[in-house]
Amino acid sequence: MIDLHSHSTCSDGSDGPHRIIELAAAAGCSAIALTDHDGLDGIEEAGHAAREHGITFVPGCEVSCKFTPGTMHVLCYFVEPGEGPLQDQLERLRNDRATRNGRLITRLRELGIDLTLDDVRAEAGGTTLGRPHFASALVRKGVVATYEEAFDNLLRKGGPAYIPKAFISAETTIEAAGGSRALAVLAHPLSLGLKASDLERTIGELADSGLTGLECWYGRYTSEERQRLLLIAKQFGLVATGGSDYHGTFKPDLSIGTGRGDLEVPDSALNELTERRER
């Protein structure tokens, strides 16, 4: 059993990179990927912890890409901090995130909410800040009663405190990943919000652009949804991958390795990714 989709405090998870590895070891995972959003800050710590626990570690990230009507995220595997086209794109997104966080503080103040970046940093443990950390800070300050209320009333897309983030195209992400010797995989494909025929067409176009894999075994998908995606992956010659999308307390229904309890991503998924990378 492996898990190729997890998030730490270095993006929008509640557990540090070291803890992610501990949880993977406790769950019986033979391999774990850390795929924080638009950044690589946790890779070094997680890699060190994985060596301590004797677990195969896959360094990665999850990149937000332009798409309508739904959400498109591309998982990039085998990417490390350093120089490269993908790393350059992540730096640009990191800079935008910092600007966006400042604008979000300003927007909240305009709404009469006294919140500072230091308040948000306290929730994130000093790492990359995201909306989940803003939500937790709003709960701690007593502005809202629950994390869910913070999103529903303020931070959700289209909400009064929502600030749009920068996106890059999936094609640019795939090309940049290739230039950095990384592999690109479409995350949770059903979040694209497409009907069956449009989903297949979109995945086919991404495959033509160099997409390597499709996240078929996803933490929140049903058995029927997973089987449907496995057929699409086979149709376009993509590696079928999977993971829990663990975020700790921010997605409490998902556990490392097992998702909602019925997830079991086979070791062969990572073997196939490794083989594709070595070609």
C-alpha atoms as a PDB file:
ATOM      1  CA  MET A   1       0.000   0.000   0.000  1.00  0.00           C
ATOM      2  CA  ILE A   2       1.260   3.464  -0.924  1.00  0.00           C
ATOM      3  CA  ASP A   3      -0.072   7.012  -0.674  1.00  0.00           C
ATOM      4  CA  LEU A   4       0.905   9.492  -3.377  1.00  0.00           C
ATOM      5  CA  HIS A   5      -1.139  12.492  -2.207  1.00  0.00           C
ATOM      6  CA  SER A   6      -0.675  14.196   1.167  1.00  0.00           C
ATOM      7  CA  HIS A   7      -0.398  17.709   2.569  1.00  0.00           C
ATOM      8  CA  SER A   8       1.512  19.124   5.519  1.00  0.00           C
ATOM      9  CA  THR A   9       1.701  22.430   7.364  1.00  0.00           C
ATOM     10  CA  CYS A  10       3.881  23.616   4.498  1.00  0.00           C
ATOM     11  CA  SER A  11       0.654  24.228   2.584  1.00  0.00           C
ATOM     12  CA  ASP A  12      -2.816  23.565   3.983  1.00  0.00           C
ATOM     13  CA  GLY A  13      -2.426  20.485   6.177  1.00  0.00           C
ATOM     14  CA  SER A  14      -2.467  20.396   9.972  1.00  0.00           C
ATOM     15  CA  ASP A  15       0.515  18.038  10.489  1.00  0.00           C
ATOM     16  CA  GLY A  16       4.181  18.766   9.908  1.00  0.00           C
ATOM     17  CA  PRO A  17       6.163  16.886   7.241  1.00  0.00           C
ATOM     18  CA  HIS A  18       7.821  14.628   9.846  1.00  0.00           C
ATOM     19  CA  ARG A  19       4.414  13.687  11.245  1.00  0.00           C
ATOM     20  CA  ILE A  20       3.141  12.800   7.765  1.00  0.00           C
ATOM     21  CA  ILE A  21       5.893  10.196   7.527  1.00  0.00           C
ATOM     22  CA  GLU A  22       5.134   8.847  11.009  1.00  0.00           C
ATOM     23  CA  LEU A  23       1.488   8.406  10.061  1.00  0.00           C
ATOM     24  CA  ALA A  24       2.440   6.664   6.826  1.00  0.00           C
ATOM     25  CA  ALA A  25       4.677   4.247   8.711  1.00  0.00           C
ATOM     26  CA  ALA A  26       1.942   3.561  11.270  1.00  0.00           C
ATOM     27  CA  ALA A  27      -0.552   2.890   8.470  1.00  0.00           C
ATOM     28  CA  GLY A  28       1.783   0.357   6.865  1.00  0.00           C
ATOM     29  CA  CYS A  29       2.601   2.351   3.745  1.00  0.00           C
ATOM     30  CA  SER A  30       5.668   1.245   1.837  1.00  0.00           C
ATOM     31  CA  ALA A  31       5.899   4.644   0.116  1.00  0.00           C
ATOM     32  CA  ILE A  32       4.541   8.143   0.647  1.00  0.00           C
ATOM     33  CA  ALA A  33       4.533  11.305  -1.447  1.00  0.00           C
ATOM     34  CA  LEU A  34       4.358  14.768   0.065  1.00  0.00           C
ATOM     35  CA  THR A  35       2.474  16.986  -2.390  1.00  0.00           C
ATOM     36  CA  ASP A  36       1.967  20.354  -0.763  1.00  0.00           C
ATOM     37  CA  HIS A  37       0.258  23.029  -2.816  1.00  0.00           C
ATOM     38  CA  ASP A  38       2.495  25.091  -5.074  1.00  0.00           C
ATOM     39  CA  GLY A  39       5.634  24.567  -2.996  1.00  0.00           C
ATOM     40  CA  LEU A  40       8.431  22.275  -1.858  1.00  0.00           C
ATOM     41  CA  ASP A  41       9.199  23.577   1.638  1.00  0.00           C
ATOM     42  CA  GLY A  42       8.507  20.283   3.418  1.00  0.00           C
ATOM     43  CA  ILE A  43      10.477  18.007   1.100  1.00  0.00           C
ATOM     44  CA  GLU A  44      13.784  17.999   2.979  1.00  0.00           C
ATOM     45  CA  GLU A  45      12.218  17.311   6.382  1.00  0.00           C
ATOM     46  CA  ALA A  46       9.901  14.611   5.036  1.00  0.00           C
ATOM     47  CA  GLY A  47      12.687  12.930   3.101  1.00  0.00           C
ATOM     48  CA  HIS A  48      14.878  12.755   6.189  1.00  0.00           C
ATOM     49  CA  ALA A  49      12.019  11.298   8.247  1.00  0.00           C
ATOM     50  CA  ALA A  50      11.277   8.730   5.545  1.00  0.00           C
ATOM     51  CA  ARG A  51      14.854   7.507   5.657  1.00  0.00           C
ATOM     52  CA  GLU A  52      14.561   7.166   9.440  1.00  0.00           C
ATOM     53  CA  HIS A  53      11.411   5.053   9.072  1.00  0.00           C
ATOM     54  CA  GLY A  54      12.585   3.010   6.088  1.00  0.00           C
ATOM     55  CA  ILE A  55       9.813   4.269   3.799  1.00  0.00           C
ATOM     56  CA  THR A  56      10.255   5.159   0.141  1.00  0.00           C
ATOM     57  CA  PHE A  57       9.729   8.890  -0.227  1.00  0.00           C
ATOM     58  CA  VAL A  58       8.471  10.628  -3.363  1.00  0.00           C
ATOM     59  CA  PRO A  59       9.067  14.393  -3.378  1.00  0.00           C
ATOM     60  CA  GLY A  60       6.278  16.287  -5.060  1.00  0.00           C
ATOM     61  CA  CYS A  61       3.809  19.143  -5.128  1.00  0.00           C
ATOM     62  CA  GLU A  62       0.284  19.918  -6.307  1.00  0.00           C
ATOM     63  CA  VAL A  63      -0.061  22.804  -8.746  1.00  0.00           C
ATOM     64  CA  SER A  64      -3.272  24.797  -9.185  1.00  0.00           C
ATOM     65  CA  CYS A  65      -4.070  25.203 -12.874  1.00  0.00           C
ATOM     66  CA  LYS A  66      -6.445  27.357 -14.885  1.00  0.00           C
ATOM     67  CA  PHE A  67      -9.709  25.598 -15.637  1.00  0.00           C
ATOM     68  CA  THR A  68     -13.438  26.230 -15.984  1.00  0.00           C
ATOM     69  CA  PRO A  69     -15.977  25.166 -14.733  1.00  0.00           C
ATOM     70  CA  GLY A  70     -14.373  23.079 -11.980  1.00  0.00           C
ATOM     71  CA  THR A  71     -10.986  22.801 -10.317  1.00  0.00           C
ATOM     72  CA  MET A  72      -7.859  21.407 -11.962  1.00  0.00           C
ATOM     73  CA  HIS A  73      -4.858  20.387  -9.897  1.00  0.00           C
ATOM     74  CA  VAL A  74      -1.793  18.671 -11.319  1.00  0.00           C
ATOM     75  CA  LEU A  75       0.398  16.533  -9.074  1.00  0.00           C
ATOM     76  CA  CYS A  76       4.085  16.666  -9.934  1.00  0.00           C
ATOM     77  CA  TYR A  77       6.273  13.810  -8.717  1.00  0.00           C
ATOM     78  CA  PHE A  78      10.051  13.497  -8.339  1.00  0.00           C
ATOM     79  CA  VAL A  79      10.623  17.229  -7.994  1.00  0.00           C
ATOM     80  CA  GLU A  80      13.061  18.607  -5.428  1.00  0.00           C
ATOM     81  CA  PRO A  81      13.987  22.115  -4.282  1.00  0.00           C
ATOM     82  CA  GLY A  82      16.587  23.684  -6.544  1.00  0.00           C
ATOM     83  CA  GLU A  83      16.766  25.051 -10.041  1.00  0.00           C
ATOM     84  CA  GLY A  84      14.483  24.139 -12.918  1.00  0.00           C
ATOM     85  CA  PRO A  85      11.473  25.255 -14.955  1.00  0.00           C
ATOM     86  CA  LEU A  86       8.931  23.827 -12.526  1.00  0.00           C
ATOM     87  CA  GLN A  87      10.721  25.289  -9.540  1.00  0.00           C
ATOM     88  CA  ASP A  88      10.620  28.694 -11.258  1.00  0.00           C
ATOM     89  CA  GLN A  89       6.855  28.404 -11.720  1.00  0.00           C
ATOM     90  CA  LEU A  90       6.426  27.459  -8.061  1.00  0.00           C
ATOM     91  CA  GLU A  91       8.427  30.513  -6.993  1.00  0.00           C
ATOM     92  CA  ARG A  92       6.107  32.719  -9.009  1.00  0.00           C
ATOM     93  CA  LEU A  93       3.086  31.134  -7.369  1.00  0.00           C
ATOM     94  CA  ARG A  94       4.698  31.515  -3.941  1.00  0.00           C
ATOM     95  CA  ASN A  95       5.201  35.242  -4.534  1.00  0.00           C
ATOM     96  CA  ASP A  96       1.597  35.609  -5.623  1.00  0.00           C
ATOM     97  CA  ARG A  97       0.416  33.770  -2.516  1.00  0.00           C
ATOM     98  CA  ALA A  98       2.266  36.243  -0.296  1.00  0.00           C
ATOM     99  CA  THR A  99       0.640  39.159  -2.097  1.00  0.00           C
ATOM    100  CA  ARG A 100      -2.745  37.467  -1.928  1.00  0.00           C
ATOM    101  CA  ASN A 101      -2.459  36.907   1.829  1.00  0.00           C
ATOM    102  CA  GLY A 102      -1.786  40.604   2.371  1.00  0.00           C
ATOM    103  CA  ARG A 103      -4.808  41.505   0.264  1.00  0.00           C
ATOM    104  CA  LEU A 104      -6.924  39.056   2.240  1.00  0.00           C
ATOM    105  CA  ILE A 105      -5.945  40.733   5.516  1.00  0.00           C
ATOM    106  CA  THR A 106      -6.920  44.087   4.007  1.00  0.00           C
ATOM    107  CA  ARG A 107     -10.260  42.698   2.819  1.00  0.00           C
ATOM    108  CA  LEU A 108     -11.049  41.276   6.252  1.00  0.00           C
ATOM    109  CA  ARG A 109     -10.291  44.621   7.861  1.00  0.00           C
ATOM    110  CA  GLU A 110     -12.618  46.298   5.387  1.00  0.00           C
ATOM    111  CA  LEU A 111     -15.265  43.881   6.653  1.00  0.00           C
ATOM    112  CA  GLY A 112     -14.568  44.989  10.225  1.00  0.00           C
ATOM    113  CA  ILE A 113     -12.552  41.898  11.190  1.00  0.00           C
ATOM    114  CA  ASP A 114      -9.348  42.542  13.121  1.00  0.00           C
ATOM    115  CA  LEU A 115      -6.962  39.826  11.988  1.00  0.00           C
ATOM    116  CA  THR A 116      -3.214  40.064  11.414  1.00  0.00           C
ATOM    117  CA  LEU A 117      -0.753  37.951   9.462  1.00  0.00           C
ATOM    118  CA  ASP A 118       0.875  37.081  12.781  1.00  0.00           C
ATOM    119  CA  ASP A 119      -2.456  35.601  13.912  1.00  0.00           C
ATOM    120  CA  VAL A 120      -2.502  33.455  10.771  1.00  0.00           C
ATOM    121  CA  ARG A 121       1.157  32.484  11.084  1.00  0.00           C
ATOM    122  CA  ALA A 122       0.469  31.205  14.576  1.00  0.00           C
ATOM    123  CA  GLU A 123      -2.003  28.715  13.093  1.00  0.00           C
ATOM    124  CA  ALA A 124       0.399  27.642  10.352  1.00  0.00           C
ATOM    125  CA  GLY A 125       3.437  27.177  12.558  1.00  0.00           C
ATOM    126  CA  GLY A 126       5.391  29.729  10.565  1.00  0.00           C
ATOM    127  CA  THR A 127       5.107  27.873   7.242  1.00  0.00           C
ATOM    128  CA  THR A 128       3.314  28.745   4.012  1.00  0.00           C
ATOM    129  CA  LEU A 129      -0.001  30.451   4.695  1.00  0.00           C
ATOM    130  CA  GLY A 130      -3.273  29.455   3.047  1.00  0.00           C
ATOM    131  CA  ARG A 131      -6.997  29.863   3.520  1.00  0.00           C
ATOM    132  CA  PRO A 132      -7.257  26.964   6.019  1.00  0.00           C
ATOM    133  CA  HIS A 133      -4.892  28.847   8.321  1.00  0.00           C
ATOM    134  CA  PHE A 134      -6.991  31.996   7.940  1.00  0.00           C
ATOM    135  CA  ALA A 135     -10.057  29.941   8.823  1.00  0.00           C
ATOM    136  CA  SER A 136      -8.413  28.535  11.942  1.00  0.00           C
ATOM    137  CA  ALA A 137      -7.295  32.021  12.994  1.00  0.00           C
ATOM    138  CA  LEU A 138     -10.832  33.337  12.549  1.00  0.00           C
ATOM    139  CA  VAL A 139     -12.124  30.565  14.811  1.00  0.00           C
ATOM    140  CA  ARG A 140      -9.483  31.262  17.452  1.00  0.00           C
ATOM    141  CA  LYS A 141     -10.325  34.976  17.392  1.00  0.00           C
ATOM    142  CA  GLY A 142     -14.005  34.179  17.877  1.00  0.00           C
ATOM    143  CA  VAL A 143     -15.074  35.722  14.586  1.00  0.00           C
ATOM    144  CA  VAL A 144     -16.757  32.458  13.593  1.00  0.00           C
ATOM    145  CA  ALA A 145     -17.626  29.352  15.575  1.00  0.00           C
ATOM    146  CA  THR A 146     -16.218  26.706  13.228  1.00  0.00           C
ATOM    147  CA  TYR A 147     -13.713  26.185  10.451  1.00  0.00           C
ATOM    148  CA  GLU A 148     -16.573  25.363   8.075  1.00  0.00           C
ATOM    149  CA  GLU A 149     -18.352  28.606   8.961  1.00  0.00           C
ATOM    150  CA  ALA A 150     -15.227  30.595   8.104  1.00  0.00           C
ATOM    151  CA  PHE A 151     -15.315  29.218   4.580  1.00  0.00           C
ATOM    152  CA  ASP A 152     -19.091  29.309   4.155  1.00  0.00           C
ATOM    153  CA  ASN A 153     -19.454  32.906   5.340  1.00  0.00           C
ATOM    154  CA  LEU A 154     -16.173  34.508   4.292  1.00  0.00           C
ATOM    155  CA  LEU A 155     -13.440  32.593   2.486  1.00  0.00           C
ATOM    156  CA  ARG A 156     -15.235  30.428  -0.071  1.00  0.00           C
ATOM    157  CA  LYS A 157     -14.913  31.233  -3.754  1.00  0.00           C
ATOM    158  CA  GLY A 158     -17.231  34.152  -4.347  1.00  0.00           C
ATOM    159  CA  GLY A 159     -17.452  34.912  -0.620  1.00  0.00           C
ATOM    160  CA  PRO A 160     -17.017  38.459   0.753  1.00  0.00           C
ATOM    161  CA  ALA A 161     -13.382  37.836   1.746  1.00  0.00           C
ATOM    162  CA  TYR A 162     -12.357  35.716  -1.247  1.00  0.00           C
ATOM    163  CA  ILE A 163      -9.233  36.858  -3.095  1.00  0.00           C
ATOM    164  CA  PRO A 164      -8.501  35.033  -6.373  1.00  0.00           C
ATOM    165  CA  LYS A 165      -5.138  33.303  -6.676  1.00  0.00           C
ATOM    166  CA  ALA A 166      -2.772  33.077  -9.620  1.00  0.00           C
ATOM    167  CA  PHE A 167      -2.992  30.033 -11.840  1.00  0.00           C
ATOM    168  CA  ILE A 168      -0.890  28.630 -14.642  1.00  0.00           C
ATOM    169  CA  SER A 169      -2.136  26.409 -17.424  1.00  0.00           C
ATOM    170  CA  ALA A 170      -2.011  22.648 -17.131  1.00  0.00           C
ATOM    171  CA  GLU A 171       0.009  22.522 -20.336  1.00  0.00           C
ATOM    172  CA  THR A 172       2.604  24.896 -18.881  1.00  0.00           C
ATOM    173  CA  THR A 173       2.763  22.832 -15.705  1.00  0.00           C
ATOM    174  CA  ILE A 174       3.222  19.596 -17.635  1.00  0.00           C
ATOM    175  CA  GLU A 175       5.957  21.120 -19.795  1.00  0.00           C
ATOM    176  CA  ALA A 176       7.732  22.627 -16.785  1.00  0.00           C
ATOM    177  CA  ALA A 177       7.547  19.305 -14.950  1.00  0.00           C
ATOM    178  CA  GLY A 178       9.169  17.549 -17.875  1.00  0.00           C
ATOM    179  CA  GLY A 179      11.917  20.165 -17.939  1.00  0.00           C
ATOM    180  CA  SER A 180      12.616  19.433 -14.274  1.00  0.00           C
ATOM    181  CA  ARG A 181      12.617  15.634 -14.785  1.00  0.00           C
ATOM    182  CA  ALA A 182       9.324  15.383 -12.899  1.00  0.00           C
ATOM    183  CA  LEU A 183       6.136  13.587 -13.908  1.00  0.00           C
ATOM    184  CA  ALA A 184       2.703  15.230 -14.115  1.00  0.00           C
ATOM    185  CA  VAL A 185      -0.466  13.463 -12.938  1.00  0.00           C
ATOM    186  CA  LEU A 186      -4.008  14.847 -12.984  1.00  0.00           C
ATOM    187  CA  ALA A 187      -5.329  14.979  -9.418  1.00  0.00           C
ATOM    188  CA  HIS A 188      -8.912  14.015  -8.439  1.00  0.00           C
ATOM    189  CA  PRO A 189     -10.217  14.227 -12.040  1.00  0.00           C
ATOM    190  CA  LEU A 190     -13.894  14.375 -11.077  1.00  0.00           C
ATOM    191  CA  SER A 191     -13.319  17.797  -9.514  1.00  0.00           C
ATOM    192  CA  LEU A 192     -13.192  19.131 -13.074  1.00  0.00           C
ATOM    193  CA  GLY A 193     -16.991  19.063 -12.954  1.00  0.00           C
ATOM    194  CA  LEU A 194     -17.372  17.624 -16.447  1.00  0.00           C
ATOM    195  CA  LYS A 195     -19.822  15.180 -17.929  1.00  0.00           C
ATOM    196  CA  ALA A 196     -18.379  11.849 -19.028  1.00  0.00           C
ATOM    197  CA  SER A 197     -17.655  12.695 -22.670  1.00  0.00           C
ATOM    198  CA  ASP A 198     -16.054  16.037 -21.832  1.00  0.00           C
ATOM    199  CA  LEU A 199     -13.972  14.446 -19.083  1.00  0.00           C
ATOM    200  CA  GLU A 200     -12.551  11.890 -21.491  1.00  0.00           C
ATOM    201  CA  ARG A 201     -11.855  14.555 -24.105  1.00  0.00           C
ATOM    202  CA  THR A 202     -10.055  16.785 -21.594  1.00  0.00           C
ATOM    203  CA  ILE A 203      -7.940  13.934 -20.231  1.00  0.00           C
ATOM    204  CA  GLY A 204      -7.072  12.897 -23.768  1.00  0.00           C
ATOM    205  CA  GLU A 205      -5.903  16.442 -24.571  1.00  0.00           C
ATOM    206  CA  LEU A 206      -3.750  16.505 -21.438  1.00  0.00           C
ATOM    207  CA  ALA A 207      -2.278  13.130 -22.365  1.00  0.00           C
ATOM    208  CA  ASP A 208      -1.351  14.570 -25.777  1.00  0.00           C
ATOM    209  CA  SER A 209       0.395  17.420 -23.916  1.00  0.00           C
ATOM    210  CA  GLY A 210       2.563  14.989 -21.976  1.00  0.00           C
ATOM    211  CA  LEU A 211       0.495  14.074 -18.909  1.00  0.00           C
ATOM    212  CA  THR A 212       1.889  10.875 -17.372  1.00  0.00           C
ATOM    213  CA  GLY A 213      -0.831   9.696 -15.029  1.00  0.00           C
ATOM    214  CA  LEU A 214      -4.363   9.920 -13.688  1.00  0.00           C
ATOM    215  CA  GLU A 215      -5.314   9.813 -10.008  1.00  0.00           C
ATOM    216  CA  CYS A 216      -7.825   6.961 -10.109  1.00  0.00           C
ATOM    217  CA  TRP A 217      -7.614   5.704  -6.523  1.00  0.00           C
ATOM    218  CA  TYR A 218      -8.649   8.874  -4.714  1.00  0.00           C
ATOM    219  CA  GLY A 219      -9.484   9.041  -1.019  1.00  0.00           C
ATOM    220  CA  ARG A 220     -13.074  10.224  -1.407  1.00  0.00           C
ATOM    221  CA  TYR A 221     -14.070   8.336  -4.562  1.00  0.00           C
ATOM    222  CA  THR A 222     -16.410   5.375  -4.614  1.00  0.00           C
ATOM    223  CA  SER A 223     -15.391   2.011  -6.006  1.00  0.00           C
ATOM    224  CA  GLU A 224     -17.474   2.710  -9.114  1.00  0.00           C
ATOM    225  CA  GLU A 225     -15.786   6.079  -9.678  1.00  0.00           C
ATOM    226  CA  ARG A 226     -12.356   4.541  -9.292  1.00  0.00           C
ATOM    227  CA  GLN A 227     -13.141   1.796 -11.778  1.00  0.00           C
ATOM    228  CA  ARG A 228     -14.432   4.326 -14.287  1.00  0.00           C
ATOM    229  CA  LEU A 229     -11.219   6.322 -14.020  1.00  0.00           C
ATOM    230  CA  LEU A 230      -9.079   3.200 -14.344  1.00  0.00           C
ATOM    231  CA  LEU A 231     -10.715   2.550 -17.713  1.00  0.00           C
ATOM    232  CA  ILE A 232      -9.992   6.119 -18.848  1.00  0.00           C
ATOM    233  CA  ALA A 233      -6.355   5.815 -17.746  1.00  0.00           C
ATOM    234  CA  LYS A 234      -6.013   2.619 -19.752  1.00  0.00           C
ATOM    235  CA  GLN A 235      -7.696   4.237 -22.760  1.00  0.00           C
ATOM    236  CA  PHE A 236      -5.090   6.999 -22.931  1.00  0.00           C
ATOM    237  CA  GLY A 237      -2.060   5.025 -21.793  1.00  0.00           C
ATOM    238  CA  LEU A 238      -1.757   6.858 -18.488  1.00  0.00           C
ATOM    239  CA  VAL A 239      -0.360   5.481 -15.244  1.00  0.00           C
ATOM    240  CA  ALA A 240      -3.160   4.911 -12.739  1.00  0.00           C
ATOM    241  CA  THR A 241      -2.070   6.497  -9.463  1.00  0.00           C
ATOM    242  CA  GLY A 242      -3.773   7.355  -6.194  1.00  0.00           C
ATOM    243  CA  GLY A 243      -3.631   8.803  -2.740  1.00  0.00           C
ATOM    244  CA  SER A 244      -5.643   9.885   0.258  1.00  0.00           C
ATOM    245  CA  ASP A 245      -5.347  13.696  -0.147  1.00  0.00           C
ATOM    246  CA  TYR A 246      -4.652  13.784   3.580  1.00  0.00           C
ATOM    247  CA  HIS A 247      -4.915  17.239   5.193  1.00  0.00           C
ATOM    248  CA  GLY A 248      -5.163  16.238   8.859  1.00  0.00           C
ATOM    249  CA  THR A 249      -7.849  18.062  10.821  1.00  0.00           C
ATOM    250  CA  PHE A 250      -8.726  20.167   7.775  1.00  0.00           C
ATOM    251  CA  LYS A 251     -10.144  17.039   6.076  1.00  0.00           C
ATOM    252  CA  PRO A 252     -10.858  14.825   9.087  1.00  0.00           C
ATOM    253  CA  ASP A 253     -12.572  12.089   7.070  1.00  0.00           C
ATOM    254  CA  LEU A 254      -9.335  11.192   5.254  1.00  0.00           C
ATOM    255  CA  SER A 255      -6.516   9.119   6.739  1.00  0.00           C
ATOM    256  CA  ILE A 256      -3.029   8.532   5.393  1.00  0.00           C
ATOM    257  CA  GLY A 257      -2.934   5.385   3.282  1.00  0.00           C
ATOM    258  CA  THR A 258      -6.581   4.396   3.653  1.00  0.00           C
ATOM    259  CA  GLY A 259      -8.580   7.548   2.857  1.00  0.00           C
ATOM    260  CA  ARG A 260     -12.067   6.892   4.168  1.00  0.00           C
ATOM    261  CA  GLY A 261     -11.082   3.346   5.054  1.00  0.00           C
ATOM    262  CA  ASP A 262     -11.408   1.612   1.697  1.00  0.00           C
ATOM    263  CA  LEU A 263      -8.412   3.031  -0.147  1.00  0.00           C
ATOM    264  CA  GLU A 264      -5.522   0.781  -1.083  1.00  0.00           C
ATOM    265  CA  VAL A 265      -3.249   2.131  -3.792  1.00  0.00           C
ATOM    266  CA  PRO A 266      -1.082  -0.707  -5.147  1.00  0.00           C
ATOM    267  CA  ASP A 267       2.707  -0.509  -5.085  1.00  0.00           C
ATOM    268  CA  SER A 268       2.627  -1.070  -8.845  1.00  0.00           C
ATOM    269  CA  ALA A 269       1.469   2.542  -9.350  1.00  0.00           C
ATOM    270  CA  LEU A 270       4.785   3.895  -8.091  1.00  0.00           C
ATOM    271  CA  ASN A 271       6.710   1.212  -9.975  1.00  0.00           C
ATOM    272  CA  GLU A 272       5.061   2.331 -13.220  1.00  0.00           C
ATOM    273  CA  LEU A 273       5.774   5.999 -12.513  1.00  0.00           C
ATOM    274  CA  THR A 274       9.411   5.187 -11.839  1.00  0.00           C
ATOM    275  CA  GLU A 275       9.654   3.224 -15.075  1.00  0.00           C
ATOM    276  CA  ARG A 276       8.140   6.121 -17.051  1.00  0.00           C
ATOM    277  CA  ARG A 277      10.633   8.532 -15.547  1.00  0.00           C
ATOM    278  CA  GLU A 278      13.578   6.327 -16.443  1.00  0.00           C
ATOM    279  CA  ARG A 279      12.613   5.996 -20.083  1.00  0.00           C
END
